[in-house]
Amino acid sequence: MADGTAAGPVAQPSRGGLRGMAIGLACDLRLALLRGAARDDQASTTAGLAWLSLASVVALVLGAGLFLLAGYHAGFDRLNGAAALLPAWLWQGLTVLGDERVALALSLFFARRHPRVFWTLICAALVAVLYSRGLKPLVDAARPPAVLPADAFNLIGPGHKYESFPSGHSVTAGVFFGVLLAFARRLPWRMLFLMLAVLAGSSRVAVGVHWPVDVAFGLGGGWLAALSGVHLARGSPWGIYDGSVHLAFVTLGAICAVGLWLDHGAYAAVALPLKTLAVAAIGTALVGYLLLPLWRIGRRPRRVSNWTQ
């Protein structure tokens, strides 16, 4: 392996009882993680990291420029007004892409096949939490609903009023799509992931709960967290291959998917799509981590133990 982890042979236990089933599932997962990690070689991130570095610099410079040259509220009126020309359901659909629960639920679709990407996402998310959750209460900037009259701008969904900087949804979008961008091998995919991150961040201005400066620093910080996540994941390959660690974060993703079923975050237009995502994500996890492995184990010929001869 590129990161020094030996991909030695994986034992295939005989069937027999719950213990044998558990051992079989563990071995099947171990083999899947080894194969999946080899599928996403570290060298494939070189071009993606260059994209992330440039995007994060551009976003942070743009945010700092807006703040220094035109003030914290710069650009909101024009962007929010222009966004009102498009349907509200579109902005609701884009803004939930920055929901942490959506990001973790989406990760269930590729966690088993691409464990290196999944572990990088987890590492990046930890950095992003420190950045976003640390700055929000420290700065505690007022959001548009706390500053502007209700009839002066377009508000979609709940009117949050405090802890505006940076935009947490933009940070999440930057992290999630940034990690995917880092591992994308083709230009069209990199462009798509970059565009989705920008659209998800811009939607926070469109729904009326963040200033453009919040979004710029959110995306920039999220992309920097994605960069950090790549390097942290390289230095901790145990998180890729340790089945218990992997399953712990898969379980967290499943819990987040259940949360999407129970709560659509006050964006009613996307309630059904979020419930559909929840069912699909949990179903994918059940099939990939339980049903298919059990089927494979059941097809293996029973081995006779020397102890029973």
Protein backbone atom coordinates (compact mmCIF):
# COMPACT_ATOMS: atom_id res chain seq x y z
CA MET A 1 0.00 0.00 0.00
CA ALA A 2 1.07 3.58 -0.69
CA ASP A 3 0.74 4.53 2.98
CA GLY A 4 2.68 1.58 4.29
CA THR A 5 -0.24 -0.57 5.42
CA ALA A 6 0.26 -4.18 4.45
CA ALA A 7 -2.54 -5.71 2.43
CA GLY A 8 -1.91 -9.25 3.59
CA PRO A 9 -4.27 -12.16 3.19
CA VAL A 10 -7.55 -11.94 5.03
CA ALA A 11 -8.65 -15.03 6.91
CA GLN A 12 -11.92 -16.60 5.83
CA PRO A 13 -13.61 -18.10 8.87
CA SER A 14 -15.94 -21.03 8.80
CA ARG A 15 -19.62 -20.51 9.34
CA GLY A 16 -21.21 -21.37 12.63
CA GLY A 17 -23.26 -19.36 15.08
CA LEU A 18 -23.33 -15.67 15.80
CA ARG A 19 -19.64 -15.56 16.58
CA GLY A 20 -18.75 -17.03 13.21
CA MET A 21 -21.11 -14.60 11.52
CA ALA A 22 -19.52 -11.64 13.32
CA ILE A 23 -16.03 -12.80 12.37
CA GLY A 24 -17.16 -13.29 8.79
CA LEU A 25 -18.59 -9.77 8.62
CA ALA A 26 -15.41 -8.33 10.11
CA CYS A 27 -13.23 -10.16 7.59
CA ASP A 28 -15.47 -9.11 4.71
CA LEU A 29 -15.25 -5.47 5.82
CA ARG A 30 -11.49 -5.69 6.26
CA LEU A 31 -11.11 -6.96 2.71
CA ALA A 32 -13.44 -4.27 1.37
CA LEU A 33 -11.45 -1.52 3.13
CA LEU A 34 -8.16 -2.83 1.75
CA ARG A 35 -9.49 -2.94 -1.78
CA GLY A 36 -11.24 0.40 -1.45
CA ALA A 37 -8.16 2.18 -0.12
CA ALA A 38 -6.11 0.87 -3.04
CA ARG A 39 -8.78 2.18 -5.40
CA ASP A 40 -8.13 5.81 -4.32
CA ASP A 41 -4.38 6.15 -4.44
CA GLN A 42 -2.95 9.19 -2.67
CA ALA A 43 -1.21 10.36 -5.84
CA SER A 44 -4.60 11.01 -7.43
CA THR A 45 -5.15 13.98 -5.09
CA THR A 46 -2.29 16.11 -6.45
CA ALA A 47 -4.31 18.08 -9.00
CA GLY A 48 -7.29 18.29 -6.67
CA LEU A 49 -5.18 19.78 -3.90
CA ALA A 50 -3.96 22.48 -6.29
CA TRP A 51 -7.58 23.33 -7.08
CA LEU A 52 -8.48 23.47 -3.39
CA SER A 53 -5.50 25.68 -2.56
CA LEU A 54 -6.41 28.17 -5.27
CA ALA A 55 -10.13 28.14 -4.45
CA SER A 56 -9.54 28.73 -0.74
CA VAL A 57 -7.19 31.66 -1.41
CA VAL A 58 -9.65 33.24 -3.85
CA ALA A 59 -12.55 32.86 -1.42
CA LEU A 60 -10.67 34.29 1.56
CA VAL A 61 -9.25 37.19 -0.45
CA LEU A 62 -12.72 37.94 -1.82
CA GLY A 63 -14.23 37.89 1.65
CA ALA A 64 -11.51 40.10 3.09
CA GLY A 65 -11.77 42.50 0.15
CA LEU A 66 -15.53 42.87 0.53
CA PHE A 67 -15.19 43.53 4.24
CA LEU A 68 -12.33 46.03 3.98
CA LEU A 69 -13.58 47.93 0.94
CA ALA A 70 -17.36 47.95 1.38
CA GLY A 71 -18.15 46.70 4.90
CA TYR A 72 -19.52 43.54 6.45
CA HIS A 73 -22.92 43.78 4.75
CA ALA A 74 -21.51 44.39 1.27
CA GLY A 75 -23.31 42.81 -1.67
CA PHE A 76 -26.24 41.36 0.25
CA ASP A 77 -29.02 43.53 -1.19
CA ARG A 78 -28.10 42.86 -4.81
CA LEU A 79 -27.48 39.14 -4.43
CA ASN A 80 -30.54 38.50 -2.29
CA GLY A 81 -32.73 40.53 -4.64
CA ALA A 82 -31.42 38.76 -7.74
CA ALA A 83 -31.90 35.36 -6.12
CA ALA A 84 -35.57 36.17 -5.48
CA LEU A 85 -36.15 35.90 -9.24
CA LEU A 86 -35.62 32.14 -8.98
CA PRO A 87 -38.05 29.74 -7.23
CA ALA A 88 -37.72 29.29 -3.48
CA TRP A 89 -37.63 25.47 -3.75
CA LEU A 90 -34.41 25.71 -5.77
CA TRP A 91 -32.62 27.66 -3.04
CA GLN A 92 -34.00 25.33 -0.36
CA GLY A 93 -32.64 22.36 -2.26
CA LEU A 94 -29.23 23.97 -2.61
CA THR A 95 -29.01 25.21 0.96
CA VAL A 96 -29.58 21.78 2.51
CA LEU A 97 -26.42 20.61 0.73
CA GLY A 98 -24.64 22.51 3.48
CA ASP A 99 -26.49 20.66 6.24
CA GLU A 100 -24.03 18.50 8.18
CA ARG A 101 -26.59 15.69 8.34
CA VAL A 102 -26.98 15.68 4.56
CA ALA A 103 -23.22 15.53 4.06
CA LEU A 104 -22.83 12.55 6.39
CA ALA A 105 -25.86 10.79 4.93
CA LEU A 106 -24.47 11.23 1.42
CA SER A 107 -21.14 9.79 2.56
CA LEU A 108 -22.86 6.45 3.20
CA PHE A 109 -23.14 5.96 -0.56
CA PHE A 110 -19.35 5.78 -0.98
CA ALA A 111 -17.92 5.02 2.49
CA ARG A 112 -17.36 1.30 1.92
CA ARG A 113 -16.12 1.51 -1.66
CA HIS A 114 -13.94 4.58 -1.02
CA PRO A 115 -12.81 4.39 2.63
CA ARG A 116 -9.84 6.68 2.02
CA VAL A 117 -12.19 9.44 0.84
CA PHE A 118 -14.53 8.74 3.76
CA TRP A 119 -11.76 8.94 6.36
CA THR A 120 -10.44 12.13 4.76
CA LEU A 121 -13.92 13.61 5.05
CA ILE A 122 -14.07 12.73 8.74
CA CYS A 123 -10.65 14.29 9.39
CA ALA A 124 -11.62 17.42 7.46
CA ALA A 125 -14.92 17.67 9.34
CA LEU A 126 -13.10 17.70 12.67
CA VAL A 127 -10.99 20.66 11.51
CA ALA A 128 -14.08 22.40 10.14
CA VAL A 129 -15.92 22.04 13.45
CA LEU A 130 -13.09 23.80 15.26
CA TYR A 131 -13.10 26.59 12.67
CA SER A 132 -16.85 27.15 12.44
CA ARG A 133 -17.96 26.41 15.99
CA GLY A 134 -15.00 28.32 17.37
CA LEU A 135 -15.53 31.53 15.41
CA LYS A 136 -19.33 31.73 15.59
CA PRO A 137 -19.68 32.41 19.33
CA LEU A 138 -16.44 34.38 19.39
CA VAL A 139 -17.53 36.87 16.69
CA ASP A 140 -21.30 36.54 17.29
CA ALA A 141 -22.19 38.74 14.32
CA ALA A 142 -25.82 39.64 13.67
CA ARG A 143 -27.53 38.04 10.66
CA PRO A 144 -29.71 39.90 8.13
CA PRO A 145 -33.01 39.16 9.98
CA ALA A 146 -31.57 40.88 13.07
CA VAL A 147 -30.47 43.95 11.13
CA LEU A 148 -32.88 44.54 8.27
CA PRO A 149 -36.65 45.15 8.30
CA ALA A 150 -38.67 42.07 7.32
CA ASP A 151 -39.94 43.72 4.12
CA ALA A 152 -36.48 44.85 2.99
CA PHE A 153 -35.17 41.49 1.82
CA ASN A 154 -36.26 38.02 0.75
CA LEU A 155 -36.34 35.45 3.57
CA ILE A 156 -36.86 31.75 2.90
CA GLY A 157 -37.21 29.46 5.89
CA PRO A 158 -36.27 30.25 9.49
CA GLY A 159 -34.96 33.71 10.26
CA HIS A 160 -31.88 33.01 12.36
CA LYS A 161 -30.50 36.20 13.91
CA TYR A 162 -27.14 35.57 15.54
CA GLU A 163 -23.75 33.84 15.09
CA SER A 164 -23.56 34.77 11.43
CA PHE A 165 -19.79 34.53 10.86
CA PRO A 166 -18.75 32.29 9.21
CA SER A 167 -21.58 30.55 7.39
CA GLY A 168 -21.70 27.03 8.82
CA HIS A 169 -23.52 25.65 5.78
CA SER A 170 -20.83 27.12 3.54
CA VAL A 171 -18.12 25.52 5.66
CA THR A 172 -19.84 22.13 5.40
CA ALA A 173 -20.31 22.48 1.63
CA GLY A 174 -16.67 23.48 1.27
CA VAL A 175 -15.53 20.46 3.27
CA PHE A 176 -17.76 17.87 1.64
CA PHE A 177 -17.37 18.91 -1.98
CA GLY A 178 -13.76 19.94 -1.34
CA VAL A 179 -12.81 16.41 -0.27
CA LEU A 180 -14.60 14.97 -3.31
CA LEU A 181 -12.77 17.48 -5.50
CA ALA A 182 -9.44 16.46 -3.98
CA PHE A 183 -9.93 12.86 -5.09
CA ALA A 184 -11.63 13.59 -8.42
CA ARG A 185 -9.44 12.47 -11.32
CA ARG A 186 -11.26 14.20 -14.16
CA LEU A 187 -11.72 17.89 -14.84
CA PRO A 188 -15.54 17.80 -15.28
CA TRP A 189 -15.96 16.27 -11.83
CA ARG A 190 -13.71 18.87 -10.22
CA MET A 191 -15.68 21.65 -11.87
CA LEU A 192 -18.97 20.11 -10.75
CA PHE A 193 -17.89 19.75 -7.10
CA LEU A 194 -16.52 23.29 -7.06
CA MET A 195 -19.75 24.66 -8.55
CA LEU A 196 -21.95 22.76 -6.09
CA ALA A 197 -19.97 24.15 -3.15
CA VAL A 198 -20.32 27.71 -4.47
CA LEU A 199 -24.04 27.27 -5.15
CA ALA A 200 -24.67 25.80 -1.70
CA GLY A 201 -22.80 28.70 -0.11
CA SER A 202 -24.53 31.32 -2.26
CA SER A 203 -27.90 29.88 -1.25
CA ARG A 204 -27.32 31.16 2.27
CA VAL A 205 -27.48 34.71 0.92
CA ALA A 206 -30.46 33.77 -1.25
CA VAL A 207 -32.49 32.47 1.72
CA GLY A 208 -31.60 35.65 3.63
CA VAL A 209 -29.67 34.35 6.64
CA HIS A 210 -26.04 35.24 5.80
CA TRP A 211 -23.97 38.08 4.38
CA PRO A 212 -21.71 37.41 1.38
CA VAL A 213 -18.66 37.88 3.63
CA ASP A 214 -19.92 35.01 5.81
CA VAL A 215 -20.20 32.78 2.75
CA ALA A 216 -16.77 33.68 1.36
CA PHE A 217 -15.03 32.92 4.66
CA GLY A 218 -17.19 29.83 5.11
CA LEU A 219 -16.22 28.36 1.76
CA GLY A 220 -12.59 29.40 2.15
CA GLY A 221 -12.39 27.87 5.61
CA GLY A 222 -14.16 24.72 4.43
CA TRP A 223 -11.75 24.23 1.55
CA LEU A 224 -8.80 24.77 3.88
CA ALA A 225 -10.29 22.18 6.22
CA ALA A 226 -10.56 19.78 3.27
CA LEU A 227 -6.87 20.37 2.53
CA SER A 228 -6.02 19.71 6.17
CA GLY A 229 -8.16 16.59 6.12
CA VAL A 230 -6.18 15.13 3.24
CA HIS A 231 -2.91 15.56 5.13
CA LEU A 232 -4.36 14.34 8.43
CA ALA A 233 -5.77 11.23 6.75
CA ARG A 234 -2.37 10.49 5.21
CA GLY A 235 -0.79 10.64 8.64
CA SER A 236 -3.40 8.38 10.25
CA PRO A 237 -4.06 5.48 7.87
CA TRP A 238 -5.37 3.39 10.75
CA GLY A 239 -8.64 5.27 10.35
CA ILE A 240 -8.96 3.85 6.85
CA TYR A 241 -8.35 0.22 7.74
CA ASP A 242 -9.69 -0.12 11.28
CA GLY A 243 -13.14 -1.65 10.86
CA SER A 244 -14.41 -0.52 14.26
CA VAL A 245 -13.47 3.10 13.59
CA HIS A 246 -14.99 2.92 10.13
CA LEU A 247 -18.25 1.44 11.42
CA ALA A 248 -18.46 4.03 14.20
CA PHE A 249 -18.57 6.88 11.69
CA VAL A 250 -20.85 4.93 9.35
CA THR A 251 -23.23 4.58 12.31
CA LEU A 252 -22.98 8.34 12.85
CA GLY A 253 -23.93 8.86 9.21
CA ALA A 254 -26.92 6.55 9.65
CA ILE A 255 -28.03 8.50 12.73
CA CYS A 256 -27.81 11.71 10.71
CA ALA A 257 -29.92 10.10 7.99
CA VAL A 258 -32.58 9.25 10.56
CA GLY A 259 -32.44 12.89 11.65
CA LEU A 260 -33.26 13.98 8.11
CA TRP A 261 -36.35 11.79 8.17
CA LEU A 262 -37.51 13.35 11.44
CA ASP A 263 -36.60 16.99 10.75
CA HIS A 264 -36.29 18.83 7.41
CA GLY A 265 -34.80 21.93 9.02
CA ALA A 266 -37.86 24.14 8.35
CA TYR A 267 -37.36 23.90 4.57
CA ALA A 268 -40.70 22.33 3.68
CA ALA A 269 -40.07 22.18 -0.07
CA VAL A 270 -37.30 19.60 0.41
CA ALA A 271 -39.00 17.49 3.11
CA LEU A 272 -39.78 14.63 0.70
CA PRO A 273 -36.34 14.64 -1.00
CA LEU A 274 -34.65 14.57 2.41
CA LYS A 275 -36.78 11.62 3.54
CA THR A 276 -35.97 9.86 0.28
CA LEU A 277 -32.27 10.51 0.88
CA ALA A 278 -32.58 9.14 4.42
CA VAL A 279 -34.19 5.90 3.24
CA ALA A 280 -31.72 5.48 0.37
CA ALA A 281 -28.67 6.15 2.56
CA ILE A 282 -29.73 3.77 5.33
CA GLY A 283 -30.76 1.16 2.78
CA THR A 284 -27.40 1.43 1.04
CA ALA A 285 -25.59 0.98 4.34
CA LEU A 286 -27.68 -2.05 5.31
CA VAL A 287 -27.15 -3.73 1.96
CA GLY A 288 -23.44 -2.92 1.77
CA TYR A 289 -22.44 -3.67 5.36
CA LEU A 290 -24.86 -6.45 6.31
CA LEU A 291 -26.99 -8.11 3.65
CA LEU A 292 -24.44 -8.58 0.85
CA PRO A 293 -21.66 -9.69 3.22
CA LEU A 294 -24.01 -12.23 4.83
CA TRP A 295 -24.95 -13.49 1.39
CA ARG A 296 -21.29 -13.87 0.47
CA ILE A 297 -20.56 -15.66 3.74
CA GLY A 298 -23.50 -18.00 3.16
CA ARG A 299 -22.16 -19.00 -0.25
CA ARG A 300 -18.79 -20.11 1.11
CA PRO A 301 -18.39 -23.86 1.64
CA ARG A 302 -18.47 -24.94 5.26
CA ARG A 303 -15.03 -25.74 6.59
CA VAL A 304 -14.61 -28.62 8.99
CA SER A 305 -12.60 -27.68 12.05
CA ASN A 306 -9.83 -30.03 13.20
CA TRP A 307 -11.26 -29.80 16.70
CA THR A 308 -14.47 -31.54 15.60
CA GLN A 309 -12.83 -34.38 13.68
